[in-house]
Amino acid sequence: QEQLVESGGGLVQAGGSLRLSCTAPGRTLSSYAMGWFRQAPGKEREFVAGIRRSGLATYYADSVKGRFTISRDNAKNTVFLQMNILKPEDTAVYYCASRDDNYPSDQVQEYDYWGQGTQVTVSS
């Protein structure tokens, strides 16, 4: 499968901000609902945020609601995850994924394509 490509991860202090980007060379992301997931060591991959194919609706896990914002820029063929007020518990590998539907899902198995992941580490 063609890979999505995440970028923007890194090391940040608690309370700081980071913006992740997801793109897909050779694919048009505006054709898909998109999701961000994360996976910490020893834990299952979990849903973080999703955005409708149209970009008109967004959805968030309770743990990040009010702190994270998912958005998309079709002209740049990019989906973003703006992460604010970061906490150590946000430390994980973050993945973007695409789904051939109008709406995102919070289920890993509902997505068709995945990126390689980008590491986000939040220090206290």
Protein backbone atom coordinates (compact mmCIF):
# COMPACT_ATOMS: atom_id res chain seq x y z
CA GLN A 1 0.00 0.00 0.00
CA GLU A 2 1.09 3.54 -0.62
CA GLN A 3 2.32 5.10 2.58
CA LEU A 4 1.16 8.28 4.19
CA VAL A 5 3.98 10.41 5.52
CA GLU A 6 3.91 12.06 8.93
CA SER A 7 6.28 14.76 10.05
CA GLY A 8 6.68 17.32 12.81
CA GLY A 9 7.31 15.11 15.80
CA GLY A 10 10.00 15.83 18.33
CA LEU A 11 10.82 16.56 21.94
CA VAL A 12 8.85 19.26 23.71
CA GLN A 13 8.36 20.34 27.31
CA ALA A 14 5.04 19.89 29.05
CA GLY A 15 2.74 22.78 28.25
CA GLY A 16 4.33 23.31 24.87
CA SER A 17 2.94 22.91 21.38
CA LEU A 18 3.72 20.89 18.31
CA ARG A 19 2.14 20.60 14.89
CA LEU A 20 2.15 17.33 13.02
CA SER A 21 1.65 17.07 9.28
CA CYS A 22 0.46 14.21 7.12
CA THR A 23 0.72 14.03 3.37
CA ALA A 24 0.59 11.37 0.68
CA PRO A 25 2.70 11.76 -2.42
CA GLY A 26 0.74 10.47 -5.40
CA ARG A 27 -2.61 10.51 -3.62
CA THR A 28 -5.26 13.17 -3.11
CA LEU A 29 -6.13 13.28 0.57
CA SER A 30 -9.27 15.34 -0.03
CA SER A 31 -10.84 12.10 -1.27
CA TYR A 32 -10.66 10.55 2.19
CA ALA A 33 -11.78 10.97 5.74
CA MET A 34 -8.65 11.15 7.89
CA GLY A 35 -7.68 10.16 11.37
CA TRP A 36 -4.79 10.60 13.77
CA PHE A 37 -3.88 7.77 16.11
CA ARG A 38 -1.13 7.29 18.64
CA GLN A 39 0.59 4.35 20.24
CA ALA A 40 2.63 4.43 23.42
CA PRO A 41 5.04 1.62 24.37
CA GLY A 42 3.17 -1.47 25.52
CA LYS A 43 -0.21 -0.01 24.64
CA GLU A 44 -2.74 -0.42 21.86
CA ARG A 45 -2.98 2.11 19.10
CA GLU A 46 -5.66 4.61 20.08
CA PHE A 47 -7.76 7.15 18.27
CA VAL A 48 -6.80 10.79 18.74
CA ALA A 49 -8.71 12.87 16.19
CA GLY A 50 -10.65 12.53 12.97
CA ILE A 51 -11.88 14.82 10.24
CA ARG A 52 -14.65 14.43 7.72
CA ARG A 53 -13.77 14.08 4.05
CA SER A 54 -15.24 17.54 3.47
CA GLY A 55 -13.39 19.00 6.44
CA LEU A 56 -16.67 20.29 7.85
CA ALA A 57 -16.69 18.15 10.97
CA THR A 58 -14.05 17.00 13.43
CA TYR A 59 -13.97 14.45 16.23
CA TYR A 60 -11.64 14.02 19.21
CA ALA A 61 -10.78 11.58 21.91
CA ASP A 62 -11.75 12.87 25.34
CA SER A 63 -8.12 12.86 26.42
CA VAL A 64 -7.16 15.51 23.85
CA LYS A 65 -10.38 17.48 23.47
CA GLY A 66 -9.75 21.18 23.87
CA ARG A 67 -6.00 20.79 23.38
CA PHE A 68 -5.62 19.22 19.93
CA THR A 69 -7.04 20.39 16.62
CA ILE A 70 -7.21 18.41 13.41
CA SER A 71 -7.47 20.29 10.14
CA ARG A 72 -6.82 19.84 6.47
CA ASP A 73 -5.51 22.00 3.66
CA ASN A 74 -6.49 20.56 0.32
CA ALA A 75 -4.28 22.98 -1.60
CA LYS A 76 -1.29 21.55 0.27
CA ASN A 77 -2.66 18.00 0.19
CA THR A 78 -1.95 17.90 3.91
CA VAL A 79 -3.73 17.01 7.14
CA PHE A 80 -2.51 18.62 10.35
CA LEU A 81 -2.69 17.89 14.02
CA GLN A 82 -2.07 20.95 16.16
CA MET A 83 -1.18 19.85 19.67
CA ASN A 84 -1.27 22.41 22.47
CA ILE A 85 -0.75 22.21 26.22
CA LEU A 86 1.09 18.96 25.74
CA LYS A 87 1.34 16.55 28.65
CA PRO A 88 3.79 13.72 29.32
CA GLU A 89 0.92 11.28 28.76
CA ASP A 90 0.77 12.48 25.15
CA THR A 91 4.13 10.83 24.52
CA ALA A 92 3.66 8.29 21.75
CA VAL A 93 4.25 7.52 18.12
CA TYR A 94 1.62 9.40 16.16
CA TYR A 95 0.15 7.97 12.97
CA CYS A 96 -2.12 9.40 10.33
CA ALA A 97 -4.52 7.20 8.41
CA SER A 98 -7.00 7.55 5.57
CA ARG A 99 -10.43 6.04 5.12
CA ASP A 100 -12.55 5.85 1.97
CA ASP A 101 -15.67 7.35 3.49
CA ASN A 102 -17.23 10.71 4.25
CA TYR A 103 -16.68 10.36 8.00
CA PRO A 104 -13.75 9.25 10.10
CA SER A 105 -13.85 6.36 12.50
CA ASP A 106 -12.24 5.77 15.89
CA GLN A 107 -11.47 2.17 14.95
CA VAL A 108 -8.05 1.23 13.65
CA GLN A 109 -9.42 -1.49 11.39
CA GLU A 110 -11.62 0.97 9.50
CA TYR A 111 -8.65 2.70 7.89
CA ASP A 112 -7.00 1.64 4.66
CA TYR A 113 -3.68 3.46 4.61
CA TRP A 114 -1.22 4.38 7.34
CA GLY A 115 1.93 6.37 7.70
CA GLN A 116 5.16 5.25 9.31
CA GLY A 117 4.56 7.31 12.42
CA THR A 118 6.35 10.22 14.02
CA GLN A 119 7.63 10.24 17.59
CA VAL A 120 6.28 12.83 20.01
CA THR A 121 8.00 13.01 23.38
CA VAL A 122 6.76 15.37 26.08
CA SER A 123 9.08 15.93 29.02
CA SER A 124 7.99 17.09 32.46
